[in-house]
Protein backbone atom coordinates (compact mmCIF):
# COMPACT_ATOMS: atom_id res chain seq x y z
CA UNK A 1 0.01 0.05 0.08
CA UNK A 2 1.23 3.38 -0.90
CA UNK A 3 0.00 6.98 -0.09
CA UNK A 4 -1.27 8.63 -3.14
CA UNK A 5 -2.60 11.95 -4.04
CA UNK A 6 -6.41 11.88 -4.59
CA UNK A 7 -9.67 13.68 -3.89
CA UNK A 8 -12.81 12.75 -2.33
CA UNK A 9 -16.14 14.31 -2.95
CA UNK A 10 -19.45 14.17 -0.74
CA UNK A 11 -20.94 15.60 2.66
CA UNK A 12 -17.99 16.51 4.58
CA UNK A 13 -18.17 16.15 8.42
CA UNK A 14 -16.36 18.80 10.32
CA UNK A 15 -16.17 17.66 13.94
CA UNK A 16 -14.00 20.74 14.93
CA UNK A 17 -16.56 23.24 13.41
CA UNK A 18 -19.39 21.08 14.19
CA UNK A 19 -21.23 21.31 10.65
CA UNK A 20 -21.64 19.13 7.60
CA UNK A 21 -21.41 20.54 4.28
CA UNK A 22 -21.04 19.32 0.53
CA UNK A 23 -17.33 19.78 -0.55
CA UNK A 24 -14.10 18.24 -1.86
CA UNK A 25 -11.20 16.65 0.22
CA UNK A 26 -7.90 16.66 -1.15
CA UNK A 27 -4.99 14.29 -0.20
CA UNK A 28 -1.18 14.42 -0.80
CA UNK A 29 1.79 12.98 0.87
CA UNK A 30 -0.27 11.59 3.53
CA UNK A 31 -1.82 14.67 4.81
CA UNK A 32 -5.18 16.67 4.08
CA UNK A 33 -3.94 19.47 1.59
CA UNK A 34 -7.46 21.17 1.37
CA UNK A 35 -10.94 21.09 2.33
CA UNK A 36 -13.34 23.13 -0.05
CA UNK A 37 -16.82 23.76 0.21
CA UNK A 38 -18.53 23.21 -3.23
CA UNK A 39 -21.98 22.10 -4.63
CA UNK A 40 -20.63 18.41 -5.66
CA UNK A 41 -22.96 15.89 -6.66
CA UNK A 42 -21.79 12.97 -4.48
CA UNK A 43 -24.06 11.85 -1.68
CA UNK A 44 -21.36 9.85 0.40
CA UNK A 45 -20.31 10.93 3.66
CA UNK A 46 -16.52 11.83 4.28
CA UNK A 47 -15.48 11.98 7.87
CA UNK A 48 -12.60 11.33 10.40
CA UNK A 49 -11.66 7.92 11.18
CA UNK A 50 -13.31 6.28 14.36
CA UNK A 51 -11.10 5.88 17.50
CA UNK A 52 -11.63 3.39 20.46
CA UNK A 53 -10.98 5.67 23.40
CA UNK A 54 -9.90 2.66 25.73
CA UNK A 55 -8.97 -0.88 24.61
CA UNK A 56 -6.54 -3.77 25.72
CA UNK A 57 -5.54 -5.19 22.34
CA UNK A 58 -4.46 -8.10 23.76
CA UNK A 59 -8.24 -9.43 24.52
CA UNK A 60 -8.54 -9.84 20.88
CA UNK A 61 -6.03 -12.57 21.09
CA UNK A 62 -4.29 -10.99 18.10
CA UNK A 63 -1.04 -9.07 18.27
CA UNK A 64 -1.44 -5.32 17.32
CA UNK A 65 -0.88 -5.73 13.34
CA UNK A 66 -3.44 -8.48 13.02
CA UNK A 67 -5.74 -6.47 15.29
CA UNK A 68 -5.56 -3.55 12.71
CA UNK A 69 -6.37 -5.82 9.81
CA UNK A 70 -9.84 -6.68 11.15
CA UNK A 71 -10.37 -2.99 12.92
CA UNK A 72 -9.99 -0.93 9.95
CA UNK A 73 -12.87 -2.59 8.02
CA UNK A 74 -15.02 -1.11 10.53
CA UNK A 75 -13.56 2.21 10.07
CA UNK A 76 -11.30 2.26 13.25
CA UNK A 77 -8.23 4.08 12.56
CA UNK A 78 -6.72 4.37 16.09
CA UNK A 79 -7.09 3.05 19.47
CA UNK A 80 -6.21 4.33 22.92
CA UNK A 81 -4.73 1.00 24.18
CA UNK A 82 -3.52 -0.22 27.60
CA UNK A 83 -0.99 -2.86 27.15
CA UNK A 84 -1.06 -3.91 30.89
CA UNK A 85 -2.01 -7.62 29.77
CA UNK A 86 1.56 -8.16 28.03
CA UNK A 87 3.13 -6.20 31.00
CA UNK A 88 1.88 -8.41 33.63
CA UNK A 89 3.47 -11.14 31.78
CA UNK A 90 6.52 -9.84 30.21
CA UNK A 91 7.08 -6.33 31.47
CA UNK A 92 8.70 -3.49 29.70
CA UNK A 93 9.96 -5.71 26.78
CA UNK A 94 6.25 -6.87 26.20
CA UNK A 95 5.06 -3.11 25.94
CA UNK A 96 7.89 -2.40 23.63
CA UNK A 97 6.73 -5.29 21.42
CA UNK A 98 3.26 -4.06 21.34
CA UNK A 99 4.79 -0.76 20.12
CA UNK A 100 7.20 -2.09 17.40
CA UNK A 101 4.85 -4.41 16.06
CA UNK A 102 2.01 -1.86 15.67
CA UNK A 103 4.34 0.50 13.71
CA UNK A 104 4.64 -2.40 10.93
CA UNK A 105 1.15 -1.63 9.75
CA UNK A 106 -0.96 1.46 8.63
CA UNK A 107 -2.96 2.09 11.88
CA UNK A 108 -2.47 4.51 14.89
CA UNK A 109 -1.99 2.64 18.14
CA UNK A 110 -1.53 4.91 20.98
CA UNK A 111 -0.35 3.21 23.80
CA UNK A 112 -0.27 3.92 27.68
CA UNK A 113 2.19 3.17 30.65
CA UNK A 114 0.30 0.56 32.50
CA UNK A 115 -0.07 1.97 36.28
CA UNK A 116 -0.84 -1.36 37.98
CA UNK A 117 1.53 -4.18 37.06
CA UNK A 118 0.63 -6.49 38.95
CA UNK A 119 -2.95 -4.96 39.42
CA UNK A 120 -2.51 -6.11 43.35
CA UNK A 121 -0.23 -8.07 45.61
CA UNK A 122 -2.84 -10.59 46.07
CA UNK A 123 -1.60 -12.51 42.77
CA UNK A 124 1.09 -13.89 40.84
CA UNK A 125 2.01 -12.03 37.78
CA UNK A 126 5.13 -12.21 35.22
CA UNK A 127 6.52 -8.86 35.91
CA UNK A 128 6.13 -5.50 37.84
CA UNK A 129 6.35 -1.91 36.83
CA UNK A 130 7.57 0.35 39.51
CA UNK A 131 7.95 3.81 39.43
CA UNK A 132 11.18 3.86 37.53
CA UNK A 133 9.61 1.74 34.98
CA UNK A 134 6.57 3.94 34.29
CA UNK A 135 8.90 7.00 34.25
CA UNK A 136 10.95 5.44 31.46
CA UNK A 137 7.89 4.44 29.39
CA UNK A 138 6.34 8.10 30.03
CA UNK A 139 9.54 9.33 28.28
CA UNK A 140 8.84 7.69 25.26
CA UNK A 141 6.80 9.72 22.65
CA UNK A 142 4.73 6.64 21.62
CA UNK A 143 3.34 6.36 25.16
CA UNK A 144 0.39 8.97 25.16
CA UNK A 145 -0.95 8.77 28.86
CA UNK A 146 -0.90 6.78 32.21
CA UNK A 147 -3.29 3.77 31.92
CA UNK A 148 -5.99 2.92 34.27
CA UNK A 149 -5.12 3.43 37.83
CA UNK A 150 -6.84 0.61 39.16
CA UNK A 151 -5.57 0.76 42.74
CA UNK A 152 -8.15 3.20 43.97
CA UNK A 153 -7.60 2.38 47.65
CA UNK A 154 -3.81 3.48 47.00
CA UNK A 155 -5.21 6.54 45.65
CA UNK A 156 -7.50 7.17 48.58
CA UNK A 157 -5.16 6.17 51.28
CA UNK A 158 -1.69 7.94 49.74
CA UNK A 159 0.01 5.09 48.99
CA UNK A 160 3.88 6.70 48.05
CA UNK A 161 4.24 4.34 45.01
CA UNK A 162 0.84 5.26 43.41
CA UNK A 163 1.03 9.11 44.23
CA UNK A 164 4.73 8.75 42.60
CA UNK A 165 3.43 7.32 39.49
CA UNK A 166 0.71 9.85 39.03
CA UNK A 167 3.11 12.57 39.70
CA UNK A 168 5.32 11.20 37.00
CA UNK A 169 2.56 11.51 34.50
CA UNK A 170 1.96 14.98 35.41
CA UNK A 171 5.52 15.91 35.02
CA UNK A 172 5.44 14.42 31.46
CA UNK A 173 2.43 16.46 30.62
CA UNK A 174 0.22 13.09 30.11
CA UNK A 175 -3.27 12.36 31.10
CA UNK A 176 -3.91 9.74 33.56
CA UNK A 177 -7.09 7.04 32.89
CA UNK A 178 -9.15 5.93 36.01
CA UNK A 179 -10.60 2.52 36.92
CA UNK A 180 -12.88 2.78 40.09
CA UNK A 181 -15.87 0.57 39.56
CA UNK A 182 -18.74 1.83 41.92
CA UNK A 183 -16.85 4.67 43.74
CA UNK A 184 -19.16 7.38 44.76
CA UNK A 185 -19.20 10.76 46.82
CA UNK A 186 -16.29 12.25 48.80
CA UNK A 187 -14.20 9.01 47.89
CA UNK A 188 -14.75 9.60 43.98
CA UNK A 189 -14.11 13.50 44.52
CA UNK A 190 -10.86 12.61 46.20
CA UNK A 191 -9.95 10.00 43.64
CA UNK A 192 -10.52 12.58 40.74
CA UNK A 193 -8.78 15.29 42.35
CA UNK A 194 -5.54 13.24 42.40
CA UNK A 195 -5.40 13.87 38.76
CA UNK A 196 -7.30 11.11 37.13
CA UNK A 197 -9.46 12.10 34.19
CA UNK A 198 -11.48 9.27 33.09
CA UNK A 199 -13.42 6.17 34.15
CA UNK A 200 -14.71 3.42 31.81
CA UNK A 201 -15.85 1.31 34.81
CA UNK A 202 -19.52 2.90 35.41
CA UNK A 203 -22.08 0.47 35.12
CA UNK A 204 -25.03 2.62 36.42
CA UNK A 205 -25.92 5.93 35.23
CA UNK A 206 -25.99 7.56 38.71
CA UNK A 207 -22.37 6.52 39.37
CA UNK A 208 -21.48 8.11 36.20
CA UNK A 209 -23.35 11.24 37.13
CA UNK A 210 -21.67 11.72 40.50
CA UNK A 211 -18.36 11.14 38.67
CA UNK A 212 -19.25 13.88 36.20
CA UNK A 213 -20.24 16.36 38.81
CA UNK A 214 -16.59 16.01 39.92
CA UNK A 215 -15.23 16.82 36.25
CA UNK A 216 -14.45 13.22 35.27
CA UNK A 217 -14.93 12.16 31.86
CA UNK A 218 -16.96 8.95 31.25
CA UNK A 219 -15.88 6.40 28.71
CA UNK A 220 -18.98 4.56 27.99
CA UNK A 221 -18.16 0.94 27.42
CA UNK A 222 -19.27 -2.00 25.41
CA UNK A 223 -17.17 -4.72 24.89
CA UNK A 224 -17.44 -8.77 24.70
CA UNK A 225 -18.09 -8.96 28.27
CA UNK A 226 -18.97 -5.59 29.70
CA UNK A 227 -22.00 -3.90 28.10
CA UNK A 228 -22.69 -0.65 29.50
CA UNK A 229 -23.80 1.16 26.57
CA UNK A 230 -27.72 1.13 27.27
CA UNK A 231 -27.15 2.38 30.75
CA UNK A 232 -25.00 5.10 29.92
CA UNK A 233 -25.70 6.23 26.21
CA UNK A 234 -28.22 9.16 27.02
CA UNK A 235 -24.97 10.79 28.50
CA UNK A 236 -24.09 11.48 24.80
CA UNK A 237 -26.53 14.15 24.66
CA UNK A 238 -26.69 15.26 28.14
CA UNK A 239 -23.06 15.57 28.65
CA UNK A 240 -21.74 15.73 25.00
CA UNK A 241 -18.36 17.23 25.83
CA UNK A 242 -17.56 14.82 28.69
CA UNK A 243 -18.09 11.56 27.00
CA UNK A 244 -16.10 9.09 24.79
CA UNK A 245 -16.85 5.34 23.47
CA UNK A 246 -14.82 2.49 24.01
CA UNK A 247 -14.82 -1.45 23.98
CA UNK A 248 -12.33 -2.26 26.73
CA UNK A 249 -12.08 -5.64 25.58
CA UNK A 250 -13.01 -7.26 22.33
CA UNK A 251 -12.84 -10.95 21.66
CA UNK A 252 -11.90 -12.02 17.95
CA UNK A 253 -15.36 -13.09 16.86
CA UNK A 254 -17.02 -9.90 17.86
CA UNK A 255 -14.12 -8.02 16.41
CA UNK A 256 -14.72 -9.44 13.12
CA UNK A 257 -18.36 -8.41 13.01
CA UNK A 258 -17.94 -4.65 14.16
CA UNK A 259 -16.01 -2.11 16.50
CA UNK A 260 -17.05 1.26 17.30
CA UNK A 261 -19.10 1.67 14.41
CA UNK A 262 -21.59 -0.69 16.03
CA UNK A 263 -22.01 2.15 18.84
CA UNK A 264 -22.35 4.98 16.53
CA UNK A 265 -25.33 3.02 14.55
CA UNK A 266 -26.86 2.24 17.68
CA UNK A 267 -26.83 5.88 19.07
CA UNK A 268 -28.07 7.11 15.87
CA UNK A 269 -30.94 4.60 15.74
CA UNK A 270 -31.83 6.14 19.25
CA UNK A 271 -32.16 9.51 17.51
CA UNK A 272 -29.11 11.03 19.11
CA UNK A 273 -27.53 14.09 17.62
CA UNK A 274 -25.11 12.74 15.02
CA UNK A 275 -22.19 15.55 15.43
CA UNK A 276 -22.49 14.60 19.20
CA UNK A 277 -22.12 10.98 18.55
CA UNK A 278 -19.16 11.41 15.97
CA UNK A 279 -17.22 13.86 18.29
CA UNK A 280 -17.28 11.13 20.98
CA UNK A 281 -15.14 8.71 18.84
CA UNK A 282 -13.18 11.25 17.05
CA UNK A 283 -12.67 14.91 18.18
CA UNK A 284 -12.89 13.94 22.06
CA UNK A 285 -10.26 11.14 22.04
CA UNK A 286 -7.93 13.21 20.10
CA UNK A 287 -7.94 16.31 22.07
CA UNK A 288 -8.34 14.44 25.37
CA UNK A 289 -5.26 12.32 24.68
CA UNK A 290 -3.00 14.58 22.14
CA UNK A 291 -3.31 11.80 19.62
CA UNK A 292 -1.65 12.20 16.46
CA UNK A 293 -4.71 11.40 14.49
CA UNK A 294 -6.36 13.57 11.83
CA UNK A 295 -9.78 15.24 12.37
CA UNK A 296 -10.50 15.94 8.51
CA UNK A 297 -8.77 19.62 8.82
CA UNK A 298 -6.27 21.01 6.20
CA UNK A 299 -2.61 19.93 7.11
CA UNK A 300 -4.21 16.97 9.41
CA UNK A 301 -2.94 13.33 8.77
CA UNK A 302 -5.26 11.69 6.14
CA UNK A 303 -7.02 9.49 8.67
CA UNK A 304 -10.26 9.20 7.23
CA UNK A 305 -13.52 7.02 6.28
CA UNK A 306 -16.12 7.20 3.62
CA UNK A 307 -19.66 6.10 4.59
CA UNK A 308 -22.79 5.34 2.26
CA UNK A 309 -25.07 7.63 4.36
CA UNK A 310 -25.69 8.72 7.87
CA UNK A 311 -28.53 6.45 8.82
CA UNK A 312 -27.02 3.05 7.53
CA UNK A 313 -23.55 4.11 8.42
CA UNK A 314 -22.04 1.52 6.21
CA UNK A 315 -18.06 1.54 5.66
CA UNK A 316 -17.10 2.08 2.22
CA UNK A 317 -13.59 2.93 2.79
CA UNK A 318 -10.95 3.46 5.56
CA UNK A 319 -7.78 5.72 5.07
CA UNK A 320 -4.73 5.89 7.35
CA UNK A 321 -2.24 8.60 6.56
CA UNK A 322 -3.55 8.52 3.00
CA UNK A 323 -3.40 4.95 2.66
CA UNK A 324 -6.43 3.25 1.60
CA UNK A 325 -6.39 0.52 4.42
CA UNK A 326 -9.85 -1.10 4.04
CA UNK A 327 -12.68 -1.10 1.14
CA UNK A 328 -16.30 -2.40 1.09
CA UNK A 329 -15.79 -4.76 3.77
CA UNK A 330 -12.50 -6.14 2.94
CA UNK A 331 -9.13 -5.36 4.61
CA UNK A 332 -6.07 -4.02 2.55
CA UNK A 333 -3.31 -4.46 5.42
CA UNK A 334 -1.27 -7.64 4.91
CA UNK A 335 -0.71 -9.92 8.01
CA UNK A 336 3.03 -9.33 9.85
CA UNK A 337 4.81 -12.48 11.13
CA UNK A 338 6.66 -12.26 14.20
CA UNK A 339 8.69 -14.64 16.64
CA UNK A 340 6.74 -15.13 19.93
CA UNK A 341 7.92 -14.42 23.56
CA UNK A 342 6.51 -15.94 26.52
CA UNK A 343 6.43 -16.56 30.36
CA UNK A 344 5.07 -19.80 30.93
CA UNK A 345 6.58 -22.49 33.51
CA UNK A 346 4.38 -24.80 35.49
CA UNK A 347 3.41 -28.48 35.56
CA UNK A 348 0.24 -30.03 34.54
CA UNK A 349 -2.55 -31.06 37.23
CA UNK A 350 -4.71 -34.19 37.75
CA UNK A 351 -8.01 -34.34 39.02
CA UNK A 352 -6.97 -35.33 42.51
CA UNK A 353 -5.22 -31.86 42.85
CA UNK A 354 -8.58 -30.34 42.39
CA UNK A 355 -10.32 -31.73 45.37
CA UNK A 356 -11.97 -29.69 48.04
CA UNK A 357 -12.23 -31.64 51.36
CA UNK A 358 -15.86 -31.16 53.30
CA UNK A 359 -16.02 -28.37 56.24
CA UNK A 360 -19.15 -27.42 57.98
CA UNK A 361 -21.23 -24.56 56.60
CA UNK A 362 -22.00 -22.88 53.40
CA UNK A 363 -19.72 -22.03 50.72
CA UNK A 364 -19.33 -18.51 49.11
CA UNK A 365 -20.06 -18.86 45.27
CA UNK A 366 -18.70 -16.54 42.85
CA UNK A 367 -21.69 -15.64 40.50
CA UNK A 368 -21.05 -14.12 36.94
CA UNK A 369 -23.37 -11.57 35.75
CA UNK A 370 -24.21 -11.49 32.13
CA UNK A 371 -22.80 -8.38 30.34
CA UNK A 372 -21.02 -7.51 33.42
CA UNK A 373 -17.59 -7.58 35.03
CA UNK A 374 -18.95 -7.34 38.64
CA UNK A 375 -19.83 -10.61 40.22
CA UNK A 376 -22.04 -11.36 43.45
CA UNK A 377 -21.03 -13.27 46.49
CA UNK A 378 -23.88 -16.06 47.04
CA UNK A 379 -24.01 -18.32 49.99
CA UNK A 380 -25.00 -22.10 49.32
CA UNK A 381 -25.07 -25.44 50.56
CA UNK A 382 -22.31 -27.37 48.76
CA UNK A 383 -22.87 -30.80 47.38
CA UNK A 384 -20.63 -33.45 49.04
CA UNK A 385 -19.56 -36.77 47.40
CA UNK A 386 -17.38 -38.84 49.23
CA UNK A 387 -16.17 -36.48 51.90
CA UNK A 388 -15.16 -33.59 48.98
CA UNK A 389 -17.01 -30.68 47.75
CA UNK A 390 -18.10 -31.14 44.08
CA UNK A 391 -19.69 -29.18 41.54
CA UNK A 392 -23.45 -29.32 41.16
CA UNK A 393 -24.38 -28.49 37.49
CA UNK A 394 -28.09 -28.98 38.06
CA UNK A 395 -27.94 -25.90 40.59
CA UNK A 396 -25.37 -24.34 38.41
CA UNK A 397 -22.79 -24.72 40.88
CA UNK A 398 -19.51 -25.22 39.00
CA UNK A 399 -15.90 -25.49 40.50
CA UNK A 400 -13.67 -22.80 39.48
CA UNK A 401 -9.73 -23.20 39.47
CA UNK A 402 -6.91 -20.70 38.97
CA UNK A 403 -3.62 -22.14 38.34
CA UNK A 404 -0.25 -20.36 38.37
CA UNK A 405 1.25 -20.28 35.15
CA UNK A 406 4.76 -18.78 36.09
CA UNK A 407 5.92 -21.42 38.47
CA UNK A 408 4.29 -24.58 39.72
CA UNK A 409 2.05 -24.26 42.72
CA UNK A 410 -1.10 -25.86 44.13
CA UNK A 411 -4.25 -24.53 42.33
CA UNK A 412 -6.49 -22.22 44.07
CA UNK A 413 -10.09 -23.33 44.17
CA UNK A 414 -13.40 -21.94 44.19
CA UNK A 415 -16.86 -22.33 43.00
CA UNK A 416 -18.79 -20.26 40.35
CA UNK A 417 -22.47 -19.40 39.45
CA UNK A 418 -23.78 -18.26 36.04
CA UNK A 419 -22.02 -19.92 33.74
CA UNK A 420 -24.59 -22.47 33.26
CA UNK A 421 -22.31 -25.69 32.10
CA UNK A 422 -24.18 -28.75 32.23
CA UNK A 423 -21.30 -31.00 31.48
CA UNK A 424 -17.34 -30.56 30.35
CA UNK A 425 -15.09 -27.71 31.19
CA UNK A 426 -13.73 -24.52 29.67
CA UNK A 427 -10.34 -22.92 30.52
CA UNK A 428 -8.23 -19.64 29.40
CA UNK A 429 -4.98 -18.29 29.90
CA UNK A 430 -6.42 -15.00 28.90
CA UNK A 431 -7.21 -14.17 32.54
CA UNK A 432 -7.26 -10.33 33.53
CA UNK A 433 -4.89 -9.20 34.67
CA UNK A 434 -1.97 -11.65 35.79
CA UNK A 435 -3.11 -14.10 33.02
CA UNK A 436 -2.72 -17.42 34.98
CA UNK A 437 -4.83 -19.97 33.98
CA UNK A 438 -8.72 -20.10 34.82
CA UNK A 439 -11.05 -22.74 34.34
CA UNK A 440 -14.71 -23.67 35.03
CA UNK A 441 -16.40 -26.77 34.77
CA UNK A 442 -18.89 -29.57 35.61
CA UNK A 443 -16.39 -31.96 37.14
CA UNK A 444 -12.80 -32.63 38.16
CA UNK A 445 -11.64 -34.66 35.41
CA UNK A 446 -12.78 -32.21 32.63
CA UNK A 447 -11.45 -29.08 34.59
CA UNK A 448 -7.81 -30.85 34.61
CA UNK A 449 -7.78 -31.58 31.03
CA UNK A 450 -8.88 -28.33 29.94
CA UNK A 451 -6.16 -26.83 31.91
CA UNK A 452 -3.49 -29.34 30.78
CA UNK A 453 -4.44 -28.52 27.22
CA UNK A 454 -3.43 -25.03 27.69
CA UNK A 455 -0.36 -25.98 29.71
CA UNK A 456 0.40 -28.04 26.68
CA UNK A 457 -0.02 -25.10 24.46
CA UNK A 458 2.01 -22.72 26.68
CA UNK A 459 -1.13 -20.63 26.81
CA UNK A 460 -4.23 -20.53 25.07
CA UNK A 461 -8.22 -21.24 25.38
CA UNK A 462 -9.44 -24.61 25.43
CA UNK A 463 -12.54 -26.69 25.91
CA UNK A 464 -13.22 -30.28 27.07
CA UNK A 465 -16.50 -32.42 26.72
CA UNK A 466 -16.12 -36.17 27.21
CA UNK A 467 -13.59 -37.54 24.68
CA UNK A 468 -13.65 -34.19 22.56
CA UNK A 469 -11.49 -31.38 23.23
CA UNK A 470 -10.07 -28.34 21.51
CA UNK A 471 -7.27 -25.70 21.86
CA UNK A 472 -6.40 -22.52 20.20
CA UNK A 473 -2.51 -21.86 20.88
CA UNK A 474 -1.76 -18.30 21.93
CA UNK A 475 2.21 -18.46 22.05
CA UNK A 476 2.68 -14.40 22.15
CA UNK A 477 2.68 -14.24 26.07
CA UNK A 478 0.31 -16.98 26.22
CA UNK A 479 -2.32 -14.47 25.29
CA UNK A 480 -1.97 -13.67 21.37
CA UNK A 481 -1.24 -14.97 18.29
CA UNK A 482 -0.08 -13.71 14.71
CA UNK A 483 -2.16 -16.08 12.98
CA UNK A 484 -4.87 -14.62 10.62
CA UNK A 485 -7.45 -12.88 12.56
CA UNK A 486 -10.44 -14.17 10.73
CA UNK A 487 -9.31 -17.70 10.89
CA UNK A 488 -8.89 -17.24 14.74
CA UNK A 489 -12.12 -15.50 14.81
CA UNK A 490 -13.78 -18.49 13.11
CA UNK A 491 -11.89 -20.90 15.45
CA UNK A 492 -12.96 -18.94 18.47
CA UNK A 493 -16.81 -18.75 17.44
CA UNK A 494 -16.67 -22.39 17.24
CA UNK A 495 -15.39 -22.91 20.70
CA UNK A 496 -18.18 -19.98 21.99
CA UNK A 497 -20.94 -21.96 20.31
CA UNK A 498 -19.65 -25.10 22.02
CA UNK A 499 -19.60 -23.64 25.45
CA UNK A 500 -23.08 -22.65 24.83
CA UNK A 501 -23.95 -26.25 23.69
CA UNK A 502 -22.63 -27.24 27.09
CA UNK A 503 -25.20 -25.24 28.63
CA UNK A 504 -23.98 -21.66 29.08
CA UNK A 505 -26.41 -18.80 28.36
CA UNK A 506 -23.88 -16.22 28.55
CA UNK A 507 -23.44 -14.05 25.59
CA UNK A 508 -19.55 -14.48 25.96
CA UNK A 509 -18.58 -17.16 28.07
CA UNK A 510 -14.78 -17.17 27.55
CA UNK A 511 -14.65 -13.28 28.06
CA UNK A 512 -16.77 -13.54 31.36
CA UNK A 513 -14.20 -16.49 32.38
CA UNK A 514 -11.40 -14.06 31.83
CA UNK A 515 -12.67 -11.73 34.48
CA UNK A 516 -13.24 -14.34 37.18
CA UNK A 517 -9.80 -13.45 38.43
CA UNK A 518 -9.79 -9.75 38.04
CA UNK A 519 -9.58 -8.89 41.83
CA UNK A 520 -9.75 -5.24 41.41
CA UNK A 521 -13.23 -5.73 40.33
CA UNK A 522 -15.79 -6.50 43.01
CA UNK A 523 -17.44 -8.79 44.67
CA UNK A 524 -15.91 -12.01 44.91
CA UNK A 525 -13.08 -13.10 42.89
CA UNK A 526 -10.23 -15.90 42.71
CA UNK A 527 -6.70 -15.30 42.37
CA UNK A 528 -4.08 -18.24 42.26
CA UNK A 529 -3.28 -17.33 45.89
CA UNK A 530 -7.01 -17.89 47.06
CA UNK A 531 -10.67 -16.53 47.16
CA UNK A 532 -10.60 -12.53 47.27
CA UNK A 533 -13.06 -10.29 48.68
CA UNK A 534 -13.12 -7.24 46.23
CA UNK A 535 -15.20 -5.00 48.25
CA UNK A 536 -12.95 -5.47 51.49
CA UNK A 537 -9.83 -5.98 49.49
CA UNK A 538 -8.74 -8.84 51.22
CA UNK A 539 -8.53 -12.74 51.04
CA UNK A 540 -11.59 -14.67 52.31
CA UNK A 541 -12.68 -18.21 53.08
CA UNK A 542 -14.49 -20.73 50.87
CA UNK A 543 -16.55 -21.93 53.70
CA UNK A 544 -18.67 -19.41 55.69
């Protein structure tokens, strides 16, 4: 692909001047050389390319160059990307891999310095980013911001390391992203006063309104697991200058179908003002994060899309720096091969390793909620078989296991609801944020086999049902692949549908599973070190 000189005519969307007019856009040497208002005949719409204001590229299971191949088809030209998934596995070398691989394709990845690696001290990660590492990353031009500050207790109680990281971001003149689910009132105000500018974790409108009242910008999230668009979308018109759109996490089968363009279409179908909707995923991310992404102004980089009209919003073509990267639903970016790096060293497990001895009382059940990252803590009577607590699929009580991937250790075991599996097991090494192996299933043998498939592949996702099994290897940090994204999307879709045939009614069983070990999201989670109370921010016991 080469950047060439060309002209486009149609209805031009000026997100800076907040108007739409007929005219001509002239492109040369990767930039917009002229935007001319004139009575042209074309009815197509020319506008800035779309931006995902917060995403973890790793959750697509694709390396950045492969992610770009799929995203541009949907009109996405740039992302604001937190690389803390790979940072938790490989540290700074992992972040640098994301940056360098992303440079190999015409797409604008804007990475952050991951503020919380590891996310907590209550789990085992493969690396740590202290103040020195954060300072080194923030000094790089490619690092645009300090990524989501998940350690909100550290902010509230003045943890010196947390405050030092915030200070380094301020010195570098780069914004700080937030992550504070459920935080309200004076605590939210204190968190925001520390210099934290955004939050993508609001799952109710009252929470978002509370944070808005203190000057925080709200990123409306709609990903593969967490779906908050319906609850928050009215903010687009009520607070049009304070809202951006993001996906946070997007699995490959969903990315193959759509991206931020889907949220634009849904907002327009609700009758929201077109300019307010489009500015939320173009103008606002560019100005908030100081992104080197064009806004269809003279002398801007030629980052733009052509759509058929403002109602259907069908993407006809996508351009990045004047290069056509997608046309009529087909990507024009070629795949990039890379040599994988990993951090994986653990031994297989047996069904015996997963036994839970009987004890008096009820057990704490970690109930998954469809479309949410939060869980509910529920107390239930356990099913006992020969002196051991076992899964009870008929009551939707499944065994949940987290296995340390970085060294051999005894598996941590809990119980989960909401997954609905009647038989078999699913497992994943895409497990936020430390990416240990997480598995859920109806019996110990199936769970052990699902875990061992991932150990054999040194990372991936797996499924087991009776004598049948399947695994998608993810050799890059155990969480990504450089294989064709559309092929991976098809394989992932097969496994997703298989999990649903096992009984799961979750919209995204694997994505939901990947968050069952994310300790910074309440109520109850499971790390490789044990069961964790996300509200008290402390370990708790299985039996109660």
